[in-house]
Structures are given as C-alpha cells and as structure tokens.
Amino acid sequence: MNKAIIGKKLGMTQVFLADGTMVPVTVVQAGPCTVVQKKTVENDGYSAVQLGFEEVAERKLNKPELGHLKKANAANLKYLHEFKLDNADSLEVGAQVTCDVFSAGDFVDVTGVTKGHGFSGVIKRWNQHRLKETHGVGPVHREVGSMGSISTPSRVLPGKNLPGQYGVEQVTVLNLSVVKVDAEKGVLLIKGAIPGAKNSIVYVRNAVKK
C-alpha cells in the first residue's frame, strides 16, 4: 500500500538503538493532513488524492483557495500537494492522514527544496580547486579557469561549470529508513539528512525503488 504525508523539517538530532548504536535522525512534523480532493480515473484519468497541511488565517489565502477548501469542508490550509496512491479510493474527502500511517523500519523517499546560497562561485557551487598561488597565475585564484580552446570550437561548450545561482532546487532523497514514529507528538524520526532548511516543507512517501 502506498503511503504519503506532508511534513515540516524541524531539525536533526540523534537516537540510540537497543544495541547502543547511535543513529543521526531528522525530526519531521508529519501531518495531520486533510484529504482536500480526490482524483478518479472516471473524471480525471488517474487516481490520486490532494492533501492539505498547516492551518493559517483566512486572510492569507486567496478566494480560489478558500473556495476550493470550502468545497471540501476543510480548514484554511496553507500547503496543498497531490499524491498518486494505490489506496486513493479508500480515502474520502475530509479524512485525516497522520504520521502513524508509517511505522518504524519503513523506507521512504523525502522531497524538499534545498537551502539557498545565492550567487556562488565555482569553488562553492561545483567543488572546484583554486588556481596555483604562484607568480604569473593571479590576480584571481578562485576563477573558473580555462573556458576551452581558442579557434575550435570558438565557443564555450554546454555543461561548463560556471558561477551562478546555487541551491533552491527540488531534491528527492531515496530509501531513507524511518527509525521511530511518535504518534503522540506527530513526528517521524528519519535516518540521515533530508533536503531543506529548518521549518521547510517536505513530502514523505513510501520508497518507490525499495
């Protein structure tokens, strides 16, 4: 059965297993999410559910969003995301999805938006080396370096590592294991690091390649 939920990255900590092994984990506030809309094969050509997460003030939503949520008889939810699930037919509009859909030992894929680093040079962005700090090399030692040959092909080839915007990209980390599920606090402890800064929104679903 497919499982998915919207969550918020709270930060990282560590836990100790029964055998004393220390495991670094990311704490994710997972849900509760409300089923806002159902997509069916008959009406939309595919089966999916749209989940909503985190209540906000009414003034922070526009009229189309308010009308969409009112139709589902849902609260004013800030984040909406659609998941294709095998069991979408069993979820009704208005149903609550909580973190206990997952259990310890599950493998999940986590999608988030990476931290932004602004306009960055090639050393930070692509992990390139500096030029030699010797006579005749300067005055800049952190520059791109050679851009290619002169007359042939007389252009910079595609794929050249250059300075530019670094970060703020959607990234999915595959096959992370759920170490613990705390249903009382509504959090998942996921082994390892996941994309995004603290308090950023992440999408957790069961691993597709495991």
N, C-alpha and C. Protein backbone atom coordinates (compact mmCIF):
# COMPACT_ATOMS: atom_id res chain seq x y z
N MET A 1 0.84 -1.19 0.00
CA MET A 1 0.00 0.00 0.00
C MET A 1 0.87 1.24 0.00
N ASN A 2 0.57 2.18 -0.89
CA ASN A 2 1.31 3.44 -0.91
C ASN A 2 0.91 4.32 0.27
N LYS A 3 1.89 5.03 0.80
CA LYS A 3 1.66 5.93 1.92
C LYS A 3 2.39 7.23 1.65
N ALA A 4 1.76 8.35 2.03
CA ALA A 4 2.39 9.65 1.81
C ALA A 4 1.82 10.65 2.80
N ILE A 5 2.62 11.69 3.07
CA ILE A 5 2.18 12.73 4.01
C ILE A 5 3.03 13.98 3.76
N ILE A 6 2.46 15.13 4.12
CA ILE A 6 3.18 16.39 4.07
C ILE A 6 3.71 16.69 5.47
N GLY A 7 4.93 17.19 5.55
CA GLY A 7 5.51 17.47 6.86
C GLY A 7 6.38 18.71 6.85
N LYS A 8 6.92 19.01 8.02
CA LYS A 8 7.81 20.16 8.19
C LYS A 8 9.08 19.69 8.87
N LYS A 9 10.21 20.04 8.27
CA LYS A 9 11.50 19.66 8.84
C LYS A 9 11.79 20.51 10.07
N LEU A 10 11.97 19.86 11.22
CA LEU A 10 12.21 20.59 12.47
C LEU A 10 13.69 20.68 12.82
N GLY A 11 14.51 19.80 12.28
CA GLY A 11 15.94 19.81 12.60
C GLY A 11 16.47 18.40 12.75
N MET A 12 17.72 18.30 13.21
CA MET A 12 18.35 17.00 13.37
C MET A 12 18.75 16.75 14.82
N THR A 13 18.78 15.47 15.17
CA THR A 13 19.23 15.06 16.49
C THR A 13 19.80 13.65 16.34
N GLN A 14 19.93 12.95 17.44
CA GLN A 14 20.43 11.57 17.38
C GLN A 14 19.69 10.72 18.39
N VAL A 15 19.54 9.45 18.05
CA VAL A 15 18.89 8.50 18.95
C VAL A 15 19.79 7.28 19.07
N PHE A 16 19.57 6.52 20.13
CA PHE A 16 20.35 5.31 20.36
C PHE A 16 19.43 4.11 20.23
N LEU A 17 19.88 3.12 19.45
CA LEU A 17 19.12 1.90 19.27
C LEU A 17 19.31 0.98 20.47
N ALA A 18 18.59 -0.14 20.48
CA ALA A 18 18.65 -1.07 21.60
C ALA A 18 20.05 -1.63 21.81
N ASP A 19 20.83 -1.77 20.72
CA ASP A 19 22.18 -2.32 20.86
C ASP A 19 23.21 -1.24 21.16
N GLY A 20 22.76 0.01 21.39
CA GLY A 20 23.67 1.09 21.73
C GLY A 20 24.19 1.88 20.54
N THR A 21 23.78 1.52 19.34
CA THR A 21 24.24 2.23 18.15
C THR A 21 23.62 3.61 18.09
N MET A 22 24.44 4.62 17.84
CA MET A 22 23.94 5.98 17.71
C MET A 22 23.56 6.21 16.24
N VAL A 23 22.35 6.75 16.03
CA VAL A 23 21.85 6.99 14.68
C VAL A 23 21.46 8.46 14.54
N PRO A 24 22.04 9.17 13.57
CA PRO A 24 21.60 10.56 13.32
C PRO A 24 20.25 10.55 12.62
N VAL A 25 19.33 11.38 13.10
CA VAL A 25 17.98 11.39 12.54
C VAL A 25 17.52 12.82 12.30
N THR A 26 16.64 12.97 11.33
CA THR A 26 15.96 14.24 11.09
C THR A 26 14.55 14.13 11.65
N VAL A 27 14.14 15.14 12.40
CA VAL A 27 12.81 15.16 13.01
C VAL A 27 11.87 15.89 12.05
N VAL A 28 10.80 15.21 11.66
CA VAL A 28 9.82 15.77 10.73
C VAL A 28 8.46 15.78 11.40
N GLN A 29 7.87 16.97 11.51
CA GLN A 29 6.49 17.06 11.97
C GLN A 29 5.59 16.65 10.80
N ALA A 30 5.08 15.43 10.86
CA ALA A 30 4.35 14.84 9.74
C ALA A 30 2.85 14.91 10.01
N GLY A 31 2.16 15.78 9.29
CA GLY A 31 0.72 15.90 9.45
C GLY A 31 0.35 16.64 10.72
N PRO A 32 -0.94 16.56 11.11
CA PRO A 32 -2.00 15.86 10.39
C PRO A 32 -2.38 16.56 9.09
N CYS A 33 -2.69 15.76 8.07
CA CYS A 33 -3.09 16.28 6.78
C CYS A 33 -4.55 15.92 6.52
N THR A 34 -5.22 16.77 5.78
CA THR A 34 -6.63 16.57 5.44
C THR A 34 -6.74 16.26 3.95
N VAL A 35 -7.54 15.27 3.61
CA VAL A 35 -7.81 14.97 2.21
C VAL A 35 -8.75 16.05 1.67
N VAL A 36 -8.24 16.88 0.77
CA VAL A 36 -8.99 18.02 0.25
C VAL A 36 -9.71 17.67 -1.05
N GLN A 37 -9.10 16.80 -1.84
CA GLN A 37 -9.70 16.47 -3.14
C GLN A 37 -9.28 15.06 -3.55
N LYS A 38 -10.17 14.38 -4.27
CA LYS A 38 -9.87 13.06 -4.82
C LYS A 38 -9.92 13.13 -6.34
N LYS A 39 -8.90 12.60 -6.99
CA LYS A 39 -8.89 12.48 -8.44
C LYS A 39 -9.22 11.03 -8.79
N THR A 40 -10.16 10.84 -9.69
CA THR A 40 -10.60 9.49 -10.06
C THR A 40 -10.32 9.24 -11.53
N VAL A 41 -10.24 7.95 -11.88
CA VAL A 41 -9.98 7.57 -13.27
C VAL A 41 -11.12 8.04 -14.17
N GLU A 42 -12.36 7.97 -13.66
CA GLU A 42 -13.51 8.35 -14.46
C GLU A 42 -13.50 9.84 -14.80
N ASN A 43 -13.18 10.68 -13.83
CA ASN A 43 -13.25 12.12 -14.04
C ASN A 43 -11.94 12.74 -14.52
N ASP A 44 -10.82 12.22 -14.03
CA ASP A 44 -9.53 12.87 -14.30
C ASP A 44 -8.54 12.00 -15.07
N GLY A 45 -8.86 10.73 -15.25
CA GLY A 45 -7.97 9.86 -15.99
C GLY A 45 -6.91 9.18 -15.15
N TYR A 46 -6.85 9.50 -13.87
CA TYR A 46 -5.90 8.84 -12.97
C TYR A 46 -6.44 8.93 -11.55
N SER A 47 -5.84 8.15 -10.67
CA SER A 47 -6.30 8.09 -9.28
C SER A 47 -5.27 8.75 -8.37
N ALA A 48 -5.71 9.73 -7.59
CA ALA A 48 -4.79 10.43 -6.68
C ALA A 48 -5.61 11.15 -5.62
N VAL A 49 -4.91 11.63 -4.60
CA VAL A 49 -5.54 12.44 -3.56
C VAL A 49 -4.71 13.70 -3.35
N GLN A 50 -5.41 14.77 -3.01
CA GLN A 50 -4.74 16.02 -2.67
C GLN A 50 -4.83 16.23 -1.17
N LEU A 51 -3.67 16.38 -0.53
CA LEU A 51 -3.62 16.57 0.91
C LEU A 51 -3.33 18.04 1.23
N GLY A 52 -3.89 18.50 2.34
CA GLY A 52 -3.62 19.85 2.82
C GLY A 52 -2.96 19.80 4.18
N PHE A 53 -2.10 20.79 4.46
CA PHE A 53 -1.31 20.77 5.69
C PHE A 53 -1.16 22.18 6.22
N GLU A 54 -1.22 22.34 7.52
CA GLU A 54 -0.94 23.54 8.30
C GLU A 54 -2.01 24.62 8.12
N GLU A 55 -2.77 24.81 9.18
CA GLU A 55 -3.82 25.84 9.16
C GLU A 55 -3.21 27.24 9.24
N VAL A 56 -3.84 28.17 8.51
CA VAL A 56 -3.42 29.57 8.52
C VAL A 56 -4.67 30.45 8.62
N ALA A 57 -4.43 31.74 8.84
CA ALA A 57 -5.55 32.68 8.90
C ALA A 57 -6.19 32.82 7.52
N GLU A 58 -7.48 33.09 7.53
CA GLU A 58 -8.22 33.20 6.27
C GLU A 58 -7.68 34.29 5.37
N ARG A 59 -7.18 35.38 5.96
CA ARG A 59 -6.67 36.50 5.17
C ARG A 59 -5.42 36.14 4.36
N LYS A 60 -4.78 35.03 4.69
CA LYS A 60 -3.56 34.64 3.99
C LYS A 60 -3.82 33.76 2.77
N LEU A 61 -5.09 33.48 2.47
CA LEU A 61 -5.46 32.69 1.31
C LEU A 61 -6.30 33.53 0.37
N ASN A 62 -6.18 33.25 -0.93
CA ASN A 62 -6.99 34.00 -1.89
C ASN A 62 -8.35 33.32 -2.08
N LYS A 63 -9.22 33.96 -2.85
CA LYS A 63 -10.60 33.47 -2.99
C LYS A 63 -10.67 32.09 -3.65
N PRO A 64 -9.91 31.81 -4.72
CA PRO A 64 -9.95 30.46 -5.29
C PRO A 64 -9.54 29.37 -4.29
N GLU A 65 -8.52 29.67 -3.49
CA GLU A 65 -8.07 28.69 -2.49
C GLU A 65 -9.15 28.49 -1.43
N LEU A 66 -9.75 29.59 -0.97
CA LEU A 66 -10.80 29.47 0.05
C LEU A 66 -12.00 28.69 -0.48
N GLY A 67 -12.37 28.95 -1.74
CA GLY A 67 -13.49 28.22 -2.33
C GLY A 67 -13.19 26.75 -2.49
N HIS A 68 -11.97 26.43 -2.86
CA HIS A 68 -11.56 25.04 -3.02
C HIS A 68 -11.61 24.30 -1.68
N LEU A 69 -11.14 24.95 -0.63
CA LEU A 69 -11.15 24.32 0.70
C LEU A 69 -12.57 24.24 1.27
N LYS A 70 -13.37 25.25 0.98
CA LYS A 70 -14.75 25.25 1.48
C LYS A 70 -15.55 24.11 0.85
N LYS A 71 -15.28 23.83 -0.42
CA LYS A 71 -15.97 22.74 -1.11
C LYS A 71 -15.68 21.40 -0.44
N ALA A 72 -14.46 21.27 0.10
CA ALA A 72 -14.09 20.03 0.79
C ALA A 72 -14.45 20.07 2.26
N ASN A 73 -15.04 21.20 2.70
CA ASN A 73 -15.39 21.38 4.11
C ASN A 73 -14.15 21.23 5.00
N ALA A 74 -13.03 21.78 4.51
CA ALA A 74 -11.76 21.68 5.22
C ALA A 74 -11.41 23.02 5.85
N ALA A 75 -10.45 22.98 6.77
CA ALA A 75 -9.96 24.20 7.40
C ALA A 75 -9.13 25.01 6.39
N ASN A 76 -8.71 26.20 6.79
CA ASN A 76 -7.87 27.04 5.93
C ASN A 76 -6.44 26.50 5.96
N LEU A 77 -6.09 25.73 4.94
CA LEU A 77 -4.81 25.03 4.90
C LEU A 77 -3.86 25.74 3.94
N LYS A 78 -2.61 25.89 4.38
CA LYS A 78 -1.63 26.68 3.63
C LYS A 78 -1.01 25.88 2.48
N TYR A 79 -0.68 24.61 2.72
CA TYR A 79 0.05 23.83 1.74
C TYR A 79 -0.83 22.71 1.19
N LEU A 80 -0.88 22.58 -0.13
CA LEU A 80 -1.62 21.52 -0.80
C LEU A 80 -0.65 20.75 -1.70
N HIS A 81 -0.80 19.44 -1.70
CA HIS A 81 0.07 18.63 -2.55
C HIS A 81 -0.68 17.35 -2.94
N GLU A 82 -0.44 16.93 -4.16
CA GLU A 82 -1.15 15.77 -4.70
C GLU A 82 -0.22 14.55 -4.72
N PHE A 83 -0.76 13.42 -4.30
CA PHE A 83 -0.02 12.16 -4.30
C PHE A 83 -0.81 11.11 -5.07
N LYS A 84 -0.13 10.37 -5.93
CA LYS A 84 -0.75 9.23 -6.58
C LYS A 84 -0.60 8.01 -5.67
N LEU A 85 -1.70 7.53 -5.15
CA LEU A 85 -1.68 6.42 -4.20
C LEU A 85 -2.55 5.28 -4.72
N ASP A 86 -2.10 4.04 -4.45
CA ASP A 86 -2.88 2.88 -4.85
C ASP A 86 -4.20 2.80 -4.09
N ASN A 87 -4.19 3.28 -2.84
CA ASN A 87 -5.38 3.19 -1.99
C ASN A 87 -6.16 4.50 -1.97
N ALA A 88 -6.05 5.29 -3.05
CA ALA A 88 -6.73 6.59 -3.08
C ALA A 88 -8.25 6.43 -2.96
N ASP A 89 -8.79 5.31 -3.48
CA ASP A 89 -10.24 5.11 -3.42
C ASP A 89 -10.74 4.94 -1.99
N SER A 90 -9.86 4.44 -1.11
CA SER A 90 -10.28 4.20 0.27
C SER A 90 -10.25 5.47 1.13
N LEU A 91 -9.64 6.55 0.63
CA LEU A 91 -9.57 7.80 1.37
C LEU A 91 -10.69 8.72 0.90
N GLU A 92 -11.49 9.17 1.82
CA GLU A 92 -12.59 10.07 1.49
C GLU A 92 -12.19 11.52 1.77
N VAL A 93 -12.83 12.44 1.06
CA VAL A 93 -12.58 13.88 1.27
C VAL A 93 -12.94 14.24 2.71
N GLY A 94 -12.03 14.92 3.38
CA GLY A 94 -12.22 15.27 4.78
C GLY A 94 -11.53 14.34 5.75
N ALA A 95 -11.03 13.19 5.26
CA ALA A 95 -10.35 12.23 6.13
C ALA A 95 -9.00 12.81 6.58
N GLN A 96 -8.56 12.38 7.74
CA GLN A 96 -7.29 12.84 8.31
C GLN A 96 -6.21 11.78 8.08
N VAL A 97 -5.03 12.25 7.65
CA VAL A 97 -3.86 11.38 7.48
C VAL A 97 -2.83 11.82 8.50
N THR A 98 -2.43 10.92 9.36
CA THR A 98 -1.47 11.24 10.42
C THR A 98 -0.19 10.44 10.23
N CYS A 99 0.80 10.75 11.07
CA CYS A 99 2.12 10.15 10.89
C CYS A 99 2.12 8.64 11.14
N ASP A 100 1.09 8.13 11.84
CA ASP A 100 1.10 6.70 12.15
C ASP A 100 0.75 5.82 10.96
N VAL A 101 0.58 6.42 9.75
CA VAL A 101 0.47 5.58 8.56
C VAL A 101 1.81 4.90 8.29
N PHE A 102 2.90 5.53 8.79
CA PHE A 102 4.22 4.91 8.68
C PHE A 102 4.54 4.19 9.98
N SER A 103 5.49 3.29 9.90
CA SER A 103 5.94 2.56 11.09
C SER A 103 7.46 2.43 11.04
N ALA A 104 8.04 2.16 12.19
CA ALA A 104 9.50 2.03 12.28
C ALA A 104 9.96 0.90 11.36
N GLY A 105 11.02 1.17 10.61
CA GLY A 105 11.54 0.19 9.67
C GLY A 105 11.11 0.44 8.23
N ASP A 106 10.11 1.30 8.02
CA ASP A 106 9.68 1.63 6.65
C ASP A 106 10.79 2.39 5.94
N PHE A 107 10.84 2.22 4.62
CA PHE A 107 11.74 3.02 3.79
C PHE A 107 10.93 4.07 3.05
N VAL A 108 11.43 5.29 3.05
CA VAL A 108 10.68 6.41 2.48
C VAL A 108 11.58 7.22 1.55
N ASP A 109 10.92 7.95 0.64
CA ASP A 109 11.58 8.96 -0.19
C ASP A 109 11.11 10.32 0.31
N VAL A 110 12.05 11.24 0.52
CA VAL A 110 11.71 12.56 1.05
C VAL A 110 12.08 13.61 0.01
N THR A 111 11.11 14.46 -0.33
CA THR A 111 11.31 15.54 -1.31
C THR A 111 11.23 16.88 -0.60
N GLY A 112 12.19 17.75 -0.90
CA GLY A 112 12.19 19.09 -0.32
C GLY A 112 12.96 20.03 -1.21
N VAL A 113 12.97 21.31 -0.83
CA VAL A 113 13.71 22.35 -1.56
C VAL A 113 14.96 22.68 -0.78
N THR A 114 16.11 22.58 -1.44
CA THR A 114 17.39 22.75 -0.76
C THR A 114 17.59 24.19 -0.30
N LYS A 115 18.53 24.37 0.62
CA LYS A 115 18.87 25.70 1.11
C LYS A 115 19.41 26.56 -0.03
N GLY A 116 19.10 27.84 0.02
CA GLY A 116 19.61 28.77 -0.98
C GLY A 116 20.93 29.37 -0.56
N HIS A 117 21.88 29.43 -1.49
CA HIS A 117 23.20 30.01 -1.21
C HIS A 117 23.47 31.25 -2.06
N GLY A 118 22.46 31.70 -2.82
CA GLY A 118 22.64 32.89 -3.63
C GLY A 118 23.56 32.65 -4.81
N PHE A 119 24.10 33.73 -5.35
CA PHE A 119 25.02 33.64 -6.48
C PHE A 119 26.38 33.19 -5.95
N SER A 120 26.83 32.03 -6.38
CA SER A 120 28.05 31.43 -5.83
C SER A 120 29.06 31.16 -6.93
N GLY A 121 30.32 31.17 -6.53
CA GLY A 121 31.40 30.87 -7.46
C GLY A 121 31.55 29.37 -7.69
N VAL A 122 32.50 29.02 -8.57
CA VAL A 122 32.65 27.62 -8.96
C VAL A 122 33.24 26.76 -7.85
N ILE A 123 33.97 27.36 -6.92
CA ILE A 123 34.55 26.57 -5.84
C ILE A 123 33.45 26.09 -4.90
N LYS A 124 32.55 27.00 -4.54
CA LYS A 124 31.46 26.63 -3.65
C LYS A 124 30.38 25.82 -4.38
N ARG A 125 30.10 26.22 -5.63
CA ARG A 125 29.00 25.61 -6.35
C ARG A 125 29.34 24.24 -6.93
N TRP A 126 30.58 24.08 -7.43
CA TRP A 126 30.95 22.84 -8.11
C TRP A 126 32.13 22.13 -7.45
N ASN A 127 32.60 22.64 -6.31
CA ASN A 127 33.70 22.00 -5.59
C ASN A 127 34.99 21.96 -6.40
N GLN A 128 35.24 22.99 -7.20
CA GLN A 128 36.49 23.06 -7.97
C GLN A 128 37.64 23.51 -7.07
N HIS A 129 38.86 23.28 -7.56
CA HIS A 129 40.06 23.70 -6.84
C HIS A 129 40.43 25.14 -7.21
N ARG A 130 41.18 25.79 -6.32
CA ARG A 130 41.74 27.09 -6.65
C ARG A 130 42.86 26.92 -7.67
N LEU A 131 43.19 28.04 -8.35
CA LEU A 131 44.38 28.03 -9.19
C LEU A 131 45.61 28.13 -8.30
N LYS A 132 46.76 27.86 -8.87
CA LYS A 132 48.00 27.88 -8.09
C LYS A 132 48.27 29.27 -7.54
N GLU A 133 48.75 29.33 -6.31
CA GLU A 133 49.06 30.61 -5.65
C GLU A 133 50.51 31.01 -5.92
N THR A 134 50.92 30.98 -7.20
CA THR A 134 52.31 31.29 -7.54
C THR A 134 52.36 32.47 -8.50
N HIS A 135 53.57 32.94 -8.82
CA HIS A 135 53.76 34.09 -9.70
C HIS A 135 53.24 33.76 -11.10
N GLY A 136 52.57 34.72 -11.69
CA GLY A 136 52.10 34.55 -13.06
C GLY A 136 50.74 33.91 -13.18
N VAL A 137 50.13 33.55 -12.07
CA VAL A 137 48.82 32.88 -12.13
C VAL A 137 47.71 33.85 -11.84
N GLY A 138 47.92 34.82 -10.94
CA GLY A 138 46.86 35.71 -10.48
C GLY A 138 46.35 36.63 -11.57
N PRO A 139 45.66 37.70 -11.20
CA PRO A 139 45.45 38.11 -9.81
C PRO A 139 44.31 37.37 -9.10
N VAL A 140 43.46 36.66 -9.86
CA VAL A 140 42.33 35.96 -9.25
C VAL A 140 42.66 34.48 -9.19
N HIS A 141 42.50 33.87 -8.01
CA HIS A 141 42.85 32.46 -7.85
C HIS A 141 41.61 31.58 -7.65
N ARG A 142 40.42 32.20 -7.63
CA ARG A 142 39.20 31.43 -7.43
C ARG A 142 38.30 31.48 -8.67
N GLU A 143 38.89 31.82 -9.82
CA GLU A 143 38.09 31.98 -11.03
C GLU A 143 37.80 30.63 -11.67
N VAL A 144 37.05 30.67 -12.77
CA VAL A 144 36.59 29.45 -13.43
C VAL A 144 37.75 28.65 -13.99
N GLY A 145 38.72 29.33 -14.57
CA GLY A 145 39.80 28.62 -15.23
C GLY A 145 39.59 28.61 -16.74
N SER A 146 40.17 27.65 -17.42
CA SER A 146 40.09 27.58 -18.88
C SER A 146 38.65 27.42 -19.34
N MET A 147 38.27 28.20 -20.37
CA MET A 147 36.93 28.09 -20.95
C MET A 147 36.93 27.26 -22.22
N GLY A 148 38.06 26.66 -22.59
CA GLY A 148 38.14 25.84 -23.79
C GLY A 148 39.20 26.37 -24.74
N SER A 149 39.35 25.70 -25.88
CA SER A 149 40.35 26.10 -26.85
C SER A 149 39.92 27.37 -27.60
N ILE A 150 40.84 27.96 -28.37
CA ILE A 150 40.61 29.29 -28.94
C ILE A 150 39.79 29.20 -30.23
N SER A 151 40.36 28.66 -31.29
CA SER A 151 39.70 28.74 -32.60
C SER A 151 38.70 27.62 -32.83
N THR A 152 38.91 26.49 -32.19
CA THR A 152 37.98 25.37 -32.35
C THR A 152 37.59 24.89 -30.98
N PRO A 153 36.34 24.95 -30.54
CA PRO A 153 35.17 25.30 -31.36
C PRO A 153 34.78 26.77 -31.30
N SER A 154 35.61 27.64 -30.76
CA SER A 154 35.32 29.08 -30.68
C SER A 154 34.06 29.38 -29.88
N ARG A 155 33.79 28.58 -28.93
CA ARG A 155 32.62 28.81 -28.06
C ARG A 155 32.81 28.00 -26.78
N VAL A 156 32.03 28.33 -25.79
CA VAL A 156 32.04 27.57 -24.53
C VAL A 156 31.07 26.40 -24.67
N LEU A 157 31.55 25.22 -24.45
CA LEU A 157 30.73 24.03 -24.66
C LEU A 157 29.65 23.94 -23.58
N PRO A 158 28.48 23.41 -23.92
CA PRO A 158 27.41 23.24 -22.92
C PRO A 158 27.86 22.33 -21.78
N GLY A 159 27.38 22.64 -20.58
CA GLY A 159 27.74 21.83 -19.42
C GLY A 159 28.94 22.36 -18.66
N LYS A 160 29.53 23.46 -19.14
CA LYS A 160 30.68 24.04 -18.45
C LYS A 160 30.25 24.53 -17.06
N ASN A 161 31.02 24.17 -16.04
CA ASN A 161 30.72 24.62 -14.68
C ASN A 161 31.05 26.10 -14.54
N LEU A 162 30.03 26.88 -14.24
CA LEU A 162 30.19 28.33 -14.15
C LEU A 162 29.58 28.84 -12.86
N PRO A 163 29.89 30.08 -12.46
CA PRO A 163 29.22 30.66 -11.30
C PRO A 163 27.73 30.85 -11.59
N GLY A 164 26.93 30.93 -10.55
CA GLY A 164 25.50 31.15 -10.74
C GLY A 164 24.72 30.86 -9.48
N GLN A 165 23.40 30.82 -9.62
CA GLN A 165 22.52 30.53 -8.50
C GLN A 165 22.78 29.13 -7.97
N TYR A 166 22.97 29.03 -6.67
CA TYR A 166 23.27 27.75 -6.03
C TYR A 166 22.21 27.46 -4.98
N GLY A 167 21.57 26.33 -5.09
CA GLY A 167 20.54 25.94 -4.13
C GLY A 167 19.15 26.29 -4.63
N VAL A 168 18.16 26.19 -3.72
CA VAL A 168 16.74 26.41 -4.02
C VAL A 168 16.32 25.51 -5.19
N GLU A 169 16.63 24.23 -5.08
CA GLU A 169 16.25 23.24 -6.07
C GLU A 169 15.47 22.12 -5.39
N GLN A 170 14.48 21.60 -6.08
CA GLN A 170 13.74 20.47 -5.53
C GLN A 170 14.57 19.21 -5.65
N VAL A 171 14.78 18.55 -4.53
CA VAL A 171 15.63 17.36 -4.48
C VAL A 171 14.88 16.26 -3.73
N THR A 172 15.00 15.05 -4.22
CA THR A 172 14.41 13.89 -3.55
C THR A 172 15.52 12.95 -3.11
N VAL A 173 15.54 12.61 -1.83
CA VAL A 173 16.49 11.65 -1.29
C VAL A 173 15.76 10.32 -1.14
N LEU A 174 16.34 9.26 -1.72
CA LEU A 174 15.67 7.97 -1.79
C LEU A 174 16.10 7.04 -0.66
N ASN A 175 15.19 6.14 -0.31
CA ASN A 175 15.48 4.98 0.54
C ASN A 175 16.04 5.36 1.91
N LEU A 176 15.39 6.30 2.57
CA LEU A 176 15.74 6.62 3.96
C LEU A 176 14.84 5.80 4.87
N SER A 177 15.37 5.30 5.96
CA SER A 177 14.59 4.45 6.85
C SER A 177 13.98 5.26 7.99
N VAL A 178 12.77 4.89 8.36
CA VAL A 178 12.09 5.51 9.49
C VAL A 178 12.57 4.81 10.76
N VAL A 179 13.22 5.56 11.64
CA VAL A 179 13.76 4.98 12.87
C VAL A 179 12.67 4.87 13.93
N LYS A 180 11.83 5.91 14.03
CA LYS A 180 10.80 5.91 15.08
C LYS A 180 9.62 6.76 14.63
N VAL A 181 8.43 6.36 15.05
CA VAL A 181 7.21 7.13 14.81
C VAL A 181 6.60 7.48 16.16
N ASP A 182 6.50 8.78 16.45
CA ASP A 182 5.90 9.24 17.70
C ASP A 182 4.52 9.80 17.36
N ALA A 183 3.49 8.95 17.46
CA ALA A 183 2.14 9.36 17.10
C ALA A 183 1.61 10.42 18.04
N GLU A 184 2.04 10.39 19.30
CA GLU A 184 1.54 11.35 20.29
C GLU A 184 1.99 12.76 19.94
N LYS A 185 3.26 12.91 19.52
CA LYS A 185 3.78 14.23 19.16
C LYS A 185 3.62 14.52 17.67
N GLY A 186 3.25 13.51 16.90
CA GLY A 186 3.03 13.70 15.47
C GLY A 186 4.31 13.90 14.69
N VAL A 187 5.39 13.18 15.04
CA VAL A 187 6.66 13.36 14.36
C VAL A 187 7.20 12.03 13.87
N LEU A 188 7.98 12.12 12.81
CA LEU A 188 8.74 10.99 12.29
C LEU A 188 10.22 11.25 12.53
N LEU A 189 10.96 10.24 12.95
CA LEU A 189 12.41 10.31 13.04
C LEU A 189 12.98 9.51 11.88
N ILE A 190 13.57 10.22 10.92
CA ILE A 190 14.05 9.61 9.69
C ILE A 190 15.57 9.60 9.71
N LYS A 191 16.16 8.45 9.44
CA LYS A 191 17.61 8.32 9.49
C LYS A 191 18.28 9.17 8.42
N GLY A 192 19.30 9.93 8.83
CA GLY A 192 20.08 10.72 7.89
C GLY A 192 19.52 12.10 7.67
N ALA A 193 20.08 12.79 6.68
CA ALA A 193 19.71 14.17 6.36
C ALA A 193 18.71 14.20 5.22
N ILE A 194 17.87 15.23 5.22
CA ILE A 194 16.91 15.43 4.15
C ILE A 194 17.06 16.86 3.63
N PRO A 195 16.58 17.14 2.42
CA PRO A 195 16.77 18.49 1.84
C PRO A 195 16.01 19.55 2.62
N GLY A 196 16.53 20.78 2.56
CA GLY A 196 15.80 21.93 3.09
C GLY A 196 16.36 22.48 4.38
N ALA A 197 15.94 23.70 4.68
CA ALA A 197 16.30 24.35 5.93
C ALA A 197 15.30 23.97 7.01
N LYS A 198 15.56 24.38 8.23
CA LYS A 198 14.61 24.14 9.31
C LYS A 198 13.29 24.85 9.00
N ASN A 199 12.22 24.18 9.36
CA ASN A 199 10.85 24.68 9.16
C ASN A 199 10.44 24.73 7.70
N SER A 200 11.19 24.06 6.82
CA SER A 200 10.78 23.98 5.42
C SER A 200 9.85 22.79 5.23
N ILE A 201 9.03 22.85 4.18
CA ILE A 201 8.04 21.82 3.91
C ILE A 201 8.69 20.68 3.14
N VAL A 202 8.38 19.46 3.54
CA VAL A 202 8.89 18.27 2.87
C VAL A 202 7.71 17.32 2.60
N TYR A 203 7.90 16.47 1.60
CA TYR A 203 6.89 15.48 1.22
C TYR A 203 7.49 14.10 1.42
N VAL A 204 6.85 13.31 2.26
CA VAL A 204 7.34 11.98 2.61
C VAL A 204 6.40 10.95 2.01
N ARG A 205 6.96 9.99 1.28
CA ARG A 205 6.14 8.91 0.76
C ARG A 205 6.97 7.62 0.77
N ASN A 206 6.28 6.49 0.66
CA ASN A 206 7.00 5.22 0.73
C ASN A 206 7.96 5.10 -0.45
N ALA A 207 9.09 4.43 -0.23
CA ALA A 207 10.14 4.34 -1.25
C ALA A 207 9.63 3.59 -2.48
N VAL A 208 9.91 4.15 -3.66
CA VAL A 208 9.43 3.54 -4.90
C VAL A 208 10.43 2.54 -5.46
N LYS A 209 11.69 2.60 -5.01
CA LYS A 209 12.71 1.71 -5.56
C LYS A 209 13.18 0.67 -4.56
N LYS A 210 12.48 0.53 -3.43
CA LYS A 210 12.93 -0.40 -2.40
C LYS A 210 12.05 -1.62 -2.41
